[in-house]
Amino acid sequence: AVERGVDMFDCVIPTRNARNGQVFTSFGKFSVKAAANRDDMRPLDPECDCYTCKNFTRAFLRHMFMAGEILSMRLTSIHNLYFYKRLMEQIRESIKQNRFIEFKNKFLTKYLQEV
């Protein structure tokens, strides 16, 4: 959409998906509720410096989701909103530097890999 000139977005995807356990990372999206995260001591996204990634592991967030704790939904919402905010900052910077297409291609190559 940015490539076609859209510069304003309003969407529930970051928070709605977070409430259902789906997180967006620099390596793609995944469900924090997946069994693979049971003992995973990494942050949601090792390249993210949001409050959630700095303070909580995938294992802890999975445990909270499975226990029905509302805090898990808030923490993943914080992360997803931060992810989108940071992505848009990076996009704006790439446009200023006249390298948007390069940024887009690099981002999508990384984002579309298997998490």
PDB file of N, CA and C in Angstrom:
ATOM      1  N   ALA A   1       0.822  -1.193   0.000  1.00  0.00           N
ATOM      2  CA  ALA A   1       0.000   0.000   0.000  1.00  0.00           C
ATOM      3  C   ALA A   1       0.867   1.258   0.000  1.00  0.00           C
ATOM      4  N   VAL A   2       1.957   1.250   0.760  1.00  0.00           N
ATOM      5  CA  VAL A   2       2.854   2.412   0.798  1.00  0.00           C
ATOM      6  C   VAL A   2       3.410   2.678  -0.592  1.00  0.00           C
ATOM      7  N   GLU A   3       3.768   1.629  -1.287  1.00  0.00           N
ATOM      8  CA  GLU A   3       4.326   1.771  -2.635  1.00  0.00           C
ATOM      9  C   GLU A   3       3.338   2.443  -3.592  1.00  0.00           C
ATOM     10  N   ARG A   4       2.059   2.320  -3.280  1.00  0.00           N
ATOM     11  CA  ARG A   4       1.026   2.927  -4.120  1.00  0.00           C
ATOM     12  C   ARG A   4       0.584   4.290  -3.587  1.00  0.00           C
ATOM     13  N   GLY A   5       1.266   4.804  -2.555  1.00  0.00           N
ATOM     14  CA  GLY A   5       1.000   6.146  -2.073  1.00  0.00           C
ATOM     15  C   GLY A   5       0.176   6.253  -0.807  1.00  0.00           C
ATOM     16  N   VAL A   6      -0.230   5.139  -0.222  1.00  0.00           N
ATOM     17  CA  VAL A   6      -1.003   5.193   1.020  1.00  0.00           C
ATOM     18  C   VAL A   6      -0.067   5.557   2.160  1.00  0.00           C
ATOM     19  N   ASP A   7      -0.460   6.560   2.935  1.00  0.00           N
ATOM     20  CA  ASP A   7       0.409   6.987   4.041  1.00  0.00           C
ATOM     21  C   ASP A   7      -0.322   7.058   5.372  1.00  0.00           C
ATOM     22  N   MET A   8      -1.521   6.520   5.436  1.00  0.00           N
ATOM     23  CA  MET A   8      -2.246   6.491   6.704  1.00  0.00           C
ATOM     24  C   MET A   8      -2.990   5.165   6.801  1.00  0.00           C
ATOM     25  N   PHE A   9      -2.884   4.526   7.951  1.00  0.00           N
ATOM     26  CA  PHE A   9      -3.524   3.239   8.155  1.00  0.00           C
ATOM     27  C   PHE A   9      -4.275   3.258   9.479  1.00  0.00           C
ATOM     28  N   ASP A  10      -5.376   2.566   9.518  1.00  0.00           N
ATOM     29  CA  ASP A  10      -6.139   2.384  10.748  1.00  0.00           C
ATOM     30  C   ASP A  10      -6.688   0.969  10.695  1.00  0.00           C
ATOM     31  N   CYS A  11      -6.179   0.111  11.538  1.00  0.00           N
ATOM     32  CA  CYS A  11      -6.543  -1.291  11.431  1.00  0.00           C
ATOM     33  C   CYS A  11      -6.489  -1.958  12.798  1.00  0.00           C
ATOM     34  N   VAL A  12      -7.347  -2.940  12.977  1.00  0.00           N
ATOM     35  CA  VAL A  12      -7.389  -3.680  14.237  1.00  0.00           C
ATOM     36  C   VAL A  12      -6.474  -4.898  14.230  1.00  0.00           C
ATOM     37  N   ILE A  13      -5.829  -5.184  13.103  1.00  0.00           N
ATOM     38  CA  ILE A  13      -5.046  -6.419  12.987  1.00  0.00           C
ATOM     39  C   ILE A  13      -4.005  -6.591  14.101  1.00  0.00           C
ATOM     40  N   PRO A  14      -3.185  -5.590  14.418  1.00  0.00           N
ATOM     41  CA  PRO A  14      -2.175  -5.832  15.460  1.00  0.00           C
ATOM     42  C   PRO A  14      -2.771  -6.252  16.803  1.00  0.00           C
ATOM     43  N   THR A  15      -3.857  -5.625  17.216  1.00  0.00           N
ATOM     44  CA  THR A  15      -4.427  -5.963  18.526  1.00  0.00           C
ATOM     45  C   THR A  15      -5.334  -7.181  18.470  1.00  0.00           C
ATOM     46  N   ARG A  16      -6.128  -7.303  17.430  1.00  0.00           N
ATOM     47  CA  ARG A  16      -7.013  -8.469  17.329  1.00  0.00           C
ATOM     48  C   ARG A  16      -6.183  -9.746  17.221  1.00  0.00           C
ATOM     49  N   ASN A  17      -5.174  -9.724  16.361  1.00  0.00           N
ATOM     50  CA  ASN A  17      -4.330 -10.914  16.227  1.00  0.00           C
ATOM     51  C   ASN A  17      -3.599 -11.217  17.529  1.00  0.00           C
ATOM     52  N   ALA A  18      -3.131 -10.182  18.210  1.00  0.00           N
ATOM     53  CA  ALA A  18      -2.435 -10.378  19.480  1.00  0.00           C
ATOM     54  C   ALA A  18      -3.348 -11.036  20.511  1.00  0.00           C
ATOM     55  N   ARG A  19      -4.596 -10.614  20.564  1.00  0.00           N
ATOM     56  CA  ARG A  19      -5.537 -11.203  21.518  1.00  0.00           C
ATOM     57  C   ARG A  19      -5.773 -12.681  21.247  1.00  0.00           C
ATOM     58  N   ASN A  20      -5.501 -13.101  20.020  1.00  0.00           N
ATOM     59  CA  ASN A  20      -5.654 -14.503  19.660  1.00  0.00           C
ATOM     60  C   ASN A  20      -4.324 -15.257  19.647  1.00  0.00           C
ATOM     61  N   GLY A  21      -3.260 -14.595  20.110  1.00  0.00           N
ATOM     62  CA  GLY A  21      -1.962 -15.262  20.245  1.00  0.00           C
ATOM     63  C   GLY A  21      -1.050 -15.151  19.054  1.00  0.00           C
ATOM     64  N   GLN A  22      -1.431 -14.417  18.022  1.00  0.00           N
ATOM     65  CA  GLN A  22      -0.566 -14.285  16.857  1.00  0.00           C
ATOM     66  C   GLN A  22       0.283 -13.020  16.990  1.00  0.00           C
ATOM     67  N   VAL A  23       1.585 -13.193  16.792  1.00  0.00           N
ATOM     68  CA  VAL A  23       2.505 -12.063  16.888  1.00  0.00           C
ATOM     69  C   VAL A  23       3.234 -11.871  15.563  1.00  0.00           C
ATOM     70  N   PHE A  24       3.575 -10.620  15.309  1.00  0.00           N
ATOM     71  CA  PHE A  24       4.317 -10.253  14.117  1.00  0.00           C
ATOM     72  C   PHE A  24       5.759 -10.012  14.529  1.00  0.00           C
ATOM     73  N   THR A  25       6.681 -10.598  13.788  1.00  0.00           N
ATOM     74  CA  THR A  25       8.098 -10.424  14.101  1.00  0.00           C
ATOM     75  C   THR A  25       8.849 -10.094  12.822  1.00  0.00           C
ATOM     76  N   SER A  26      10.087  -9.706  12.962  1.00  0.00           N
ATOM     77  CA  SER A  26      10.898  -9.405  11.788  1.00  0.00           C
ATOM     78  C   SER A  26      11.157 -10.654  10.949  1.00  0.00           C
ATOM     79  N   PHE A  27      10.828 -11.824  11.481  1.00  0.00           N
ATOM     80  CA  PHE A  27      10.997 -13.083  10.754  1.00  0.00           C
ATOM     81  C   PHE A  27       9.657 -13.715  10.394  1.00  0.00           C
ATOM     82  N   GLY A  28       8.588 -12.934  10.424  1.00  0.00           N
ATOM     83  CA  GLY A  28       7.265 -13.440  10.072  1.00  0.00           C
ATOM     84  C   GLY A  28       6.351 -13.513  11.283  1.00  0.00           C
ATOM     85  N   LYS A  29       5.152 -13.997  11.047  1.00  0.00           N
ATOM     86  CA  LYS A  29       4.197 -14.098  12.142  1.00  0.00           C
ATOM     87  C   LYS A  29       4.099 -15.541  12.614  1.00  0.00           C
ATOM     88  N   PHE A  30       3.734 -15.701  13.882  1.00  0.00           N
ATOM     89  CA  PHE A  30       3.550 -17.039  14.434  1.00  0.00           C
ATOM     90  C   PHE A  30       2.612 -16.975  15.627  1.00  0.00           C
ATOM     91  N   SER A  31       2.137 -18.131  16.025  1.00  0.00           N
ATOM     92  CA  SER A  31       1.253 -18.219  17.191  1.00  0.00           C
ATOM     93  C   SER A  31       2.080 -18.505  18.430  1.00  0.00           C
ATOM     94  N   VAL A  32       1.984 -17.615  19.392  1.00  0.00           N
ATOM     95  CA  VAL A  32       2.709 -17.801  20.643  1.00  0.00           C
ATOM     96  C   VAL A  32       2.147 -18.988  21.423  1.00  0.00           C
ATOM     97  N   LYS A  33       0.918 -19.404  21.101  1.00  0.00           N
ATOM     98  CA  LYS A  33       0.281 -20.518  21.805  1.00  0.00           C
ATOM     99  C   LYS A  33       0.776 -21.885  21.328  1.00  0.00           C
ATOM    100  N   ALA A  34       1.559 -21.914  20.267  1.00  0.00           N
ATOM    101  CA  ALA A  34       2.043 -23.189  19.723  1.00  0.00           C
ATOM    102  C   ALA A  34       2.881 -23.948  20.750  1.00  0.00           C
ATOM    103  N   ALA A  35       2.742 -25.250  20.733  1.00  0.00           N
ATOM    104  CA  ALA A  35       3.474 -26.103  21.678  1.00  0.00           C
ATOM    105  C   ALA A  35       4.986 -25.906  21.581  1.00  0.00           C
ATOM    106  N   ALA A  36       5.486 -25.534  20.413  1.00  0.00           N
ATOM    107  CA  ALA A  36       6.927 -25.327  20.223  1.00  0.00           C
ATOM    108  C   ALA A  36       7.474 -24.225  21.133  1.00  0.00           C
ATOM    109  N   ASN A  37       6.609 -23.365  21.629  1.00  0.00           N
ATOM    110  CA  ASN A  37       7.055 -22.267  22.489  1.00  0.00           C
ATOM    111  C   ASN A  37       7.062 -22.623  23.971  1.00  0.00           C
ATOM    112  N   ARG A  38       6.669 -23.824  24.291  1.00  0.00           N
ATOM    113  CA  ARG A  38       6.548 -24.248  25.693  1.00  0.00           C
ATOM    114  C   ARG A  38       7.826 -24.000  26.502  1.00  0.00           C
ATOM    115  N   ASP A  39       8.976 -24.288  25.940  1.00  0.00           N
ATOM    116  CA  ASP A  39      10.244 -24.127  26.662  1.00  0.00           C
ATOM    117  C   ASP A  39      11.166 -23.114  25.992  1.00  0.00           C
ATOM    118  N   ASP A  40      10.612 -22.276  25.140  1.00  0.00           N
ATOM    119  CA  ASP A  40      11.415 -21.323  24.369  1.00  0.00           C
ATOM    120  C   ASP A  40      11.679 -20.065  25.197  1.00  0.00           C
ATOM    121  N   MET A  41      12.921 -19.881  25.577  1.00  0.00           N
ATOM    122  CA  MET A  41      13.290 -18.765  26.458  1.00  0.00           C
ATOM    123  C   MET A  41      13.683 -17.498  25.695  1.00  0.00           C
ATOM    124  N   ARG A  42      13.463 -17.492  24.395  1.00  0.00           N
ATOM    125  CA  ARG A  42      13.763 -16.298  23.594  1.00  0.00           C
ATOM    126  C   ARG A  42      12.616 -15.295  23.690  1.00  0.00           C
ATOM    127  N   PRO A  43      12.911 -14.040  23.382  1.00  0.00           N
ATOM    128  CA  PRO A  43      11.817 -13.058  23.274  1.00  0.00           C
ATOM    129  C   PRO A  43      10.997 -13.364  22.019  1.00  0.00           C
ATOM    130  N   LEU A  44       9.853 -12.712  21.881  1.00  0.00           N
ATOM    131  CA  LEU A  44       9.043 -12.915  20.678  1.00  0.00           C
ATOM    132  C   LEU A  44       9.856 -12.636  19.428  1.00  0.00           C
ATOM    133  N   ASP A  45      10.617 -11.544  19.462  1.00  0.00           N
ATOM    134  CA  ASP A  45      11.440 -11.149  18.315  1.00  0.00           C
ATOM    135  C   ASP A  45      12.787 -10.681  18.848  1.00  0.00           C
ATOM    136  N   PRO A  46      13.857 -11.409  18.550  1.00  0.00           N
ATOM    137  CA  PRO A  46      15.169 -11.026  19.082  1.00  0.00           C
ATOM    138  C   PRO A  46      15.657  -9.661  18.579  1.00  0.00           C
ATOM    139  N   GLU A  47      15.038  -9.126  17.528  1.00  0.00           N
ATOM    140  CA  GLU A  47      15.432  -7.822  16.994  1.00  0.00           C
ATOM    141  C   GLU A  47      14.556  -6.686  17.517  1.00  0.00           C
ATOM    142  N   CYS A  48      13.655  -6.996  18.437  1.00  0.00           N
ATOM    143  CA  CYS A  48      12.700  -6.002  18.934  1.00  0.00           C
ATOM    144  C   CYS A  48      13.110  -5.534  20.332  1.00  0.00           C
ATOM    145  N   ASP A  49      12.929  -4.246  20.584  1.00  0.00           N
ATOM    146  CA  ASP A  49      13.246  -3.740  21.926  1.00  0.00           C
ATOM    147  C   ASP A  49      12.010  -3.176  22.627  1.00  0.00           C
ATOM    148  N   CYS A  50      10.834  -3.738  22.310  1.00  0.00           N
ATOM    149  CA  CYS A  50       9.618  -3.317  23.004  1.00  0.00           C
ATOM    150  C   CYS A  50       9.630  -3.851  24.441  1.00  0.00           C
ATOM    151  N   TYR A  51       8.726  -3.358  25.237  1.00  0.00           N
ATOM    152  CA  TYR A  51       8.619  -3.773  26.642  1.00  0.00           C
ATOM    153  C   TYR A  51       8.447  -5.287  26.763  1.00  0.00           C
ATOM    154  N   THR A  52       7.597  -5.853  25.927  1.00  0.00           N
ATOM    155  CA  THR A  52       7.330  -7.286  26.007  1.00  0.00           C
ATOM    156  C   THR A  52       8.582  -8.097  25.702  1.00  0.00           C
ATOM    157  N   CYS A  53       9.261  -7.760  24.615  1.00  0.00           N
ATOM    158  CA  CYS A  53      10.456  -8.520  24.224  1.00  0.00           C
ATOM    159  C   CYS A  53      11.608  -8.347  25.212  1.00  0.00           C
ATOM    160  N   LYS A  54      11.677  -7.195  25.843  1.00  0.00           N
ATOM    161  CA  LYS A  54      12.743  -6.958  26.821  1.00  0.00           C
ATOM    162  C   LYS A  54      12.522  -7.722  28.125  1.00  0.00           C
ATOM    163  N   ASN A  55      11.279  -8.071  28.424  1.00  0.00           N
ATOM    164  CA  ASN A  55      10.963  -8.587  29.759  1.00  0.00           C
ATOM    165  C   ASN A  55      10.332  -9.975  29.830  1.00  0.00           C
ATOM    166  N   PHE A  56       9.883 -10.528  28.697  1.00  0.00           N
ATOM    167  CA  PHE A  56       9.147 -11.791  28.762  1.00  0.00           C
ATOM    168  C   PHE A  56       9.590 -12.741  27.660  1.00  0.00           C
ATOM    169  N   THR A  57       9.548 -14.025  27.963  1.00  0.00           N
ATOM    170  CA  THR A  57       9.941 -15.053  26.995  1.00  0.00           C
ATOM    171  C   THR A  57       8.711 -15.621  26.284  1.00  0.00           C
ATOM    172  N   ARG A  58       8.979 -16.295  25.193  1.00  0.00           N
ATOM    173  CA  ARG A  58       7.902 -16.983  24.482  1.00  0.00           C
ATOM    174  C   ARG A  58       7.249 -18.024  25.382  1.00  0.00           C
ATOM    175  N   ALA A  59       8.055 -18.707  26.175  1.00  0.00           N
ATOM    176  CA  ALA A  59       7.526 -19.732  27.081  1.00  0.00           C
ATOM    177  C   ALA A  59       6.575 -19.116  28.100  1.00  0.00           C
ATOM    178  N   PHE A  60       6.962 -17.995  28.679  1.00  0.00           N
ATOM    179  CA  PHE A  60       6.110 -17.344  29.668  1.00  0.00           C
ATOM    180  C   PHE A  60       4.807 -16.866  29.025  1.00  0.00           C
ATOM    181  N   LEU A  61       4.915 -16.245  27.860  1.00  0.00           N
ATOM    182  CA  LEU A  61       3.711 -15.738  27.198  1.00  0.00           C
ATOM    183  C   LEU A  61       2.786 -16.888  26.805  1.00  0.00           C
ATOM    184  N   ARG A  62       3.355 -17.990  26.330  1.00  0.00           N
ATOM    185  CA  ARG A  62       2.529 -19.156  26.006  1.00  0.00           C
ATOM    186  C   ARG A  62       1.814 -19.654  27.257  1.00  0.00           C
ATOM    187  N   HIS A  63       2.564 -19.782  28.344  1.00  0.00           N
ATOM    188  CA  HIS A  63       1.967 -20.231  29.605  1.00  0.00           C
ATOM    189  C   HIS A  63       0.802 -19.329  30.003  1.00  0.00           C
ATOM    190  N   MET A  64       0.991 -18.021  29.896  1.00  0.00           N
ATOM    191  CA  MET A  64      -0.057 -17.067  30.258  1.00  0.00           C
ATOM    192  C   MET A  64      -1.285 -17.231  29.357  1.00  0.00           C
ATOM    193  N   PHE A  65      -1.071 -17.427  28.067  1.00  0.00           N
ATOM    194  CA  PHE A  65      -2.206 -17.638  27.156  1.00  0.00           C
ATOM    195  C   PHE A  65      -2.959 -18.910  27.525  1.00  0.00           C
ATOM    196  N   MET A  66      -2.218 -19.975  27.739  1.00  0.00           N
ATOM    197  CA  MET A  66      -2.851 -21.256  28.032  1.00  0.00           C
ATOM    198  C   MET A  66      -3.606 -21.219  29.358  1.00  0.00           C
ATOM    199  N   ALA A  67      -3.164 -20.363  30.280  1.00  0.00           N
ATOM    200  CA  ALA A  67      -3.830 -20.214  31.577  1.00  0.00           C
ATOM    201  C   ALA A  67      -5.008 -19.237  31.502  1.00  0.00           C
ATOM    202  N   GLY A  68      -5.180 -18.605  30.356  1.00  0.00           N
ATOM    203  CA  GLY A  68      -6.283 -17.667  30.191  1.00  0.00           C
ATOM    204  C   GLY A  68      -6.049 -16.315  30.832  1.00  0.00           C
ATOM    205  N   GLU A  69      -4.794 -15.981  31.085  1.00  0.00           N
ATOM    206  CA  GLU A  69      -4.456 -14.698  31.718  1.00  0.00           C
ATOM    207  C   GLU A  69      -4.559 -13.560  30.714  1.00  0.00           C
ATOM    208  N   ILE A  70      -5.315 -12.541  31.043  1.00  0.00           N
ATOM    209  CA  ILE A  70      -5.501 -11.405  30.139  1.00  0.00           C
ATOM    210  C   ILE A  70      -4.200 -10.646  29.899  1.00  0.00           C
ATOM    211  N   LEU A  71      -3.273 -10.725  30.829  1.00  0.00           N
ATOM    212  CA  LEU A  71      -1.981 -10.057  30.663  1.00  0.00           C
ATOM    213  C   LEU A  71      -1.292 -10.517  29.374  1.00  0.00           C
ATOM    214  N   SER A  72      -1.459 -11.782  29.016  1.00  0.00           N
ATOM    215  CA  SER A  72      -0.835 -12.286  27.791  1.00  0.00           C
ATOM    216  C   SER A  72      -1.335 -11.526  26.569  1.00  0.00           C
ATOM    217  N   MET A  73      -2.598 -11.209  26.542  1.00  0.00           N
ATOM    218  CA  MET A  73      -3.172 -10.468  25.412  1.00  0.00           C
ATOM    219  C   MET A  73      -2.653  -9.033  25.378  1.00  0.00           C
ATOM    220  N   ARG A  74      -2.488  -8.448  26.538  1.00  0.00           N
ATOM    221  CA  ARG A  74      -1.957  -7.081  26.605  1.00  0.00           C
ATOM    222  C   ARG A  74      -0.501  -7.038  26.166  1.00  0.00           C
ATOM    223  N   LEU A  75       0.285  -7.992  26.630  1.00  0.00           N
ATOM    224  CA  LEU A  75       1.706  -8.000  26.283  1.00  0.00           C
ATOM    225  C   LEU A  75       1.933  -8.253  24.795  1.00  0.00           C
ATOM    226  N   THR A  76       1.161  -9.151  24.202  1.00  0.00           N
ATOM    227  CA  THR A  76       1.323  -9.383  22.767  1.00  0.00           C
ATOM    228  C   THR A  76       0.769  -8.202  21.963  1.00  0.00           C
ATOM    229  N   SER A  77      -0.248  -7.524  22.475  1.00  0.00           N
ATOM    230  CA  SER A  77      -0.749  -6.308  21.815  1.00  0.00           C
ATOM    231  C   SER A  77       0.316  -5.220  21.835  1.00  0.00           C
ATOM    232  N   ILE A  78       0.974  -5.053  22.967  1.00  0.00           N
ATOM    233  CA  ILE A  78       2.060  -4.070  23.065  1.00  0.00           C
ATOM    234  C   ILE A  78       3.120  -4.377  22.014  1.00  0.00           C
ATOM    235  N   HIS A  79       3.488  -5.630  21.930  1.00  0.00           N
ATOM    236  CA  HIS A  79       4.512  -6.023  20.953  1.00  0.00           C
ATOM    237  C   HIS A  79       4.058  -5.742  19.525  1.00  0.00           C
ATOM    238  N   ASN A  80       2.864  -6.205  19.163  1.00  0.00           N
ATOM    239  CA  ASN A  80       2.403  -6.040  17.781  1.00  0.00           C
ATOM    240  C   ASN A  80       2.278  -4.571  17.392  1.00  0.00           C
ATOM    241  N   LEU A  81       1.777  -3.743  18.290  1.00  0.00           N
ATOM    242  CA  LEU A  81       1.674  -2.313  17.993  1.00  0.00           C
ATOM    243  C   LEU A  81       3.056  -1.703  17.806  1.00  0.00           C
ATOM    244  N   TYR A  82       3.988  -2.096  18.644  1.00  0.00           N
ATOM    245  CA  TYR A  82       5.360  -1.615  18.528  1.00  0.00           C
ATOM    246  C   TYR A  82       5.978  -2.067  17.205  1.00  0.00           C
ATOM    247  N   PHE A  83       5.722  -3.324  16.830  1.00  0.00           N
ATOM    248  CA  PHE A  83       6.238  -3.854  15.568  1.00  0.00           C
ATOM    249  C   PHE A  83       5.767  -2.989  14.405  1.00  0.00           C
ATOM    250  N   TYR A  84       4.470  -2.700  14.362  1.00  0.00           N
ATOM    251  CA  TYR A  84       3.932  -1.888  13.269  1.00  0.00           C
ATOM    252  C   TYR A  84       4.461  -0.461  13.306  1.00  0.00           C
ATOM    253  N   LYS A  85       4.569   0.118  14.485  1.00  0.00           N
ATOM    254  CA  LYS A  85       5.105   1.478  14.613  1.00  0.00           C
ATOM    255  C   LYS A  85       6.535   1.534  14.089  1.00  0.00           C
ATOM    256  N   ARG A  86       7.344   0.579  14.500  1.00  0.00           N
ATOM    257  CA  ARG A  86       8.741   0.536  14.066  1.00  0.00           C
ATOM    258  C   ARG A  86       8.848   0.291  12.562  1.00  0.00           C
ATOM    259  N   LEU A  87       8.000  -0.597  12.040  1.00  0.00           N
ATOM    260  CA  LEU A  87       8.001  -0.862  10.602  1.00  0.00           C
ATOM    261  C   LEU A  87       7.707   0.417   9.827  1.00  0.00           C
ATOM    262  N   MET A  88       6.725   1.175  10.246  1.00  0.00           N
ATOM    263  CA  MET A  88       6.377   2.408   9.535  1.00  0.00           C
ATOM    264  C   MET A  88       7.490   3.451   9.668  1.00  0.00           C
ATOM    265  N   GLU A  89       8.175   3.496  10.797  1.00  0.00           N
ATOM    266  CA  GLU A  89       9.328   4.398  10.940  1.00  0.00           C
ATOM    267  C   GLU A  89      10.419   4.021   9.943  1.00  0.00           C
ATOM    268  N   GLN A  90      10.678   2.728   9.817  1.00  0.00           N
ATOM    269  CA  GLN A  90      11.693   2.257   8.876  1.00  0.00           C
ATOM    270  C   GLN A  90      11.287   2.552   7.438  1.00  0.00           C
ATOM    271  N   ILE A  91      10.022   2.398   7.133  1.00  0.00           N
ATOM    272  CA  ILE A  91       9.539   2.704   5.785  1.00  0.00           C
ATOM    273  C   ILE A  91       9.720   4.186   5.483  1.00  0.00           C
ATOM    274  N   ARG A  92       9.319   5.054   6.413  1.00  0.00           N
ATOM    275  CA  ARG A  92       9.474   6.504   6.201  1.00  0.00           C
ATOM    276  C   ARG A  92      10.940   6.865   5.991  1.00  0.00           C
ATOM    277  N   GLU A  93      11.819   6.275   6.773  1.00  0.00           N
ATOM    278  CA  GLU A  93      13.252   6.562   6.636  1.00  0.00           C
ATOM    279  C   GLU A  93      13.765   6.088   5.273  1.00  0.00           C
ATOM    280  N   SER A  94      13.324   4.911   4.834  1.00  0.00           N
ATOM    281  CA  SER A  94      13.776   4.412   3.528  1.00  0.00           C
ATOM    282  C   SER A  94      13.282   5.307   2.396  1.00  0.00           C
ATOM    283  N   ILE A  95      12.103   5.868   2.534  1.00  0.00           N
ATOM    284  CA  ILE A  95      11.582   6.790   1.517  1.00  0.00           C
ATOM    285  C   ILE A  95      12.430   8.063   1.488  1.00  0.00           C
ATOM    286  N   LYS A  96      12.761   8.594   2.670  1.00  0.00           N
ATOM    287  CA  LYS A  96      13.605   9.797   2.750  1.00  0.00           C
ATOM    288  C   LYS A  96      14.958   9.567   2.066  1.00  0.00           C
ATOM    289  N   GLN A  97      15.475   8.345   2.215  1.00  0.00           N
ATOM    290  CA  GLN A  97      16.778   8.021   1.644  1.00  0.00           C
ATOM    291  C   GLN A  97      16.667   7.500   0.205  1.00  0.00           C
ATOM    292  N   ASN A  98      15.459   7.538  -0.341  1.00  0.00           N
ATOM    293  CA  ASN A  98      15.205   7.089  -1.704  1.00  0.00           C
ATOM    294  C   ASN A  98      15.640   5.633  -1.918  1.00  0.00           C
ATOM    295  N   ARG A  99      15.336   4.789  -0.944  1.00  0.00           N
ATOM    296  CA  ARG A  99      15.675   3.367  -1.054  1.00  0.00           C
ATOM    297  C   ARG A  99      14.523   2.468  -0.592  1.00  0.00           C
ATOM    298  N   PHE A 100      13.301   2.935  -0.812  1.00  0.00           N
ATOM    299  CA  PHE A 100      12.128   2.178  -0.369  1.00  0.00           C
ATOM    300  C   PHE A 100      12.062   0.786  -0.992  1.00  0.00           C
ATOM    301  N   ILE A 101      12.249   0.676  -2.297  1.00  0.00           N
ATOM    302  CA  ILE A 101      12.129  -0.629  -2.964  1.00  0.00           C
ATOM    303  C   ILE A 101      13.153  -1.609  -2.395  1.00  0.00           C
ATOM    304  N   GLU A 102      14.365  -1.134  -2.165  1.00  0.00           N
ATOM    305  CA  GLU A 102      15.397  -1.985  -1.549  1.00  0.00           C
ATOM    306  C   GLU A 102      14.952  -2.438  -0.164  1.00  0.00           C
ATOM    307  N   PHE A 103      14.436  -1.506   0.642  1.00  0.00           N
ATOM    308  CA  PHE A 103      13.955  -1.849   1.990  1.00  0.00           C
ATOM    309  C   PHE A 103      12.823  -2.865   1.911  1.00  0.00           C
ATOM    310  N   LYS A 104      11.856  -2.602   1.043  1.00  0.00           N
ATOM    311  CA  LYS A 104      10.694  -3.489   0.895  1.00  0.00           C
ATOM    312  C   LYS A 104      11.138  -4.902   0.551  1.00  0.00           C
ATOM    313  N   ASN A 105      12.020  -5.040  -0.427  1.00  0.00           N
ATOM    314  CA  ASN A 105      12.473  -6.366  -0.850  1.00  0.00           C
ATOM    315  C   ASN A 105      13.222  -7.091   0.272  1.00  0.00           C
ATOM    316  N   LYS A 106      14.082  -6.369   0.968  1.00  0.00           N
ATOM    317  CA  LYS A 106      14.837  -6.966   2.078  1.00  0.00           C
ATOM    318  C   LYS A 106      13.890  -7.382   3.209  1.00  0.00           C
ATOM    319  N   PHE A 107      12.953  -6.498   3.550  1.00  0.00           N
ATOM    320  CA  PHE A 107      11.996  -6.804   4.618  1.00  0.00           C
ATOM    321  C   PHE A 107      11.170  -8.046   4.272  1.00  0.00           C
ATOM    322  N   LEU A 108      10.611  -8.080   3.067  1.00  0.00           N
ATOM    323  CA  LEU A 108       9.745  -9.197   2.686  1.00  0.00           C
ATOM    324  C   LEU A 108      10.512 -10.513   2.597  1.00  0.00           C
ATOM    325  N   THR A 109      11.730 -10.473   2.111  1.00  0.00           N
ATOM    326  CA  THR A 109      12.540 -11.690   2.052  1.00  0.00           C
ATOM    327  C   THR A 109      12.712 -12.285   3.445  1.00  0.00           C
ATOM    328  N   LYS A 110      13.020 -11.436   4.400  1.00  0.00           N
ATOM    329  CA  LYS A 110      13.221 -11.883   5.783  1.00  0.00           C
ATOM    330  C   LYS A 110      11.891 -12.272   6.429  1.00  0.00           C
ATOM    331  N   TYR A 111      10.859 -11.449   6.239  1.00  0.00           N
ATOM    332  CA  TYR A 111       9.572 -11.647   6.890  1.00  0.00           C
ATOM    333  C   TYR A 111       8.872 -12.915   6.417  1.00  0.00           C
ATOM    334  N   LEU A 112       9.070 -13.278   5.173  1.00  0.00           N
ATOM    335  CA  LEU A 112       8.349 -14.422   4.624  1.00  0.00           C
ATOM    336  C   LEU A 112       9.055 -15.752   4.840  1.00  0.00           C
ATOM    337  N   GLN A 113      10.145 -15.777   5.626  1.00  0.00           N
ATOM    338  CA  GLN A 113      10.779 -17.048   5.934  1.00  0.00           C
ATOM    339  C   GLN A 113       9.964 -17.777   6.999  1.00  0.00           C
ATOM    340  N   GLU A 114      10.241 -19.010   7.173  1.00  0.00           N
ATOM    341  CA  GLU A 114       9.573 -19.796   8.211  1.00  0.00           C
ATOM    342  C   GLU A 114      10.103 -19.351   9.572  1.00  0.00           C
ATOM    343  N   VAL A 115       9.198 -19.156  10.531  1.00  0.00           N
ATOM    344  CA  VAL A 115       9.616 -18.754  11.890  1.00  0.00           C
ATOM    345  C   VAL A 115       9.991 -19.986  12.673  1.00  0.00           C
TER     346      VAL A 115
END
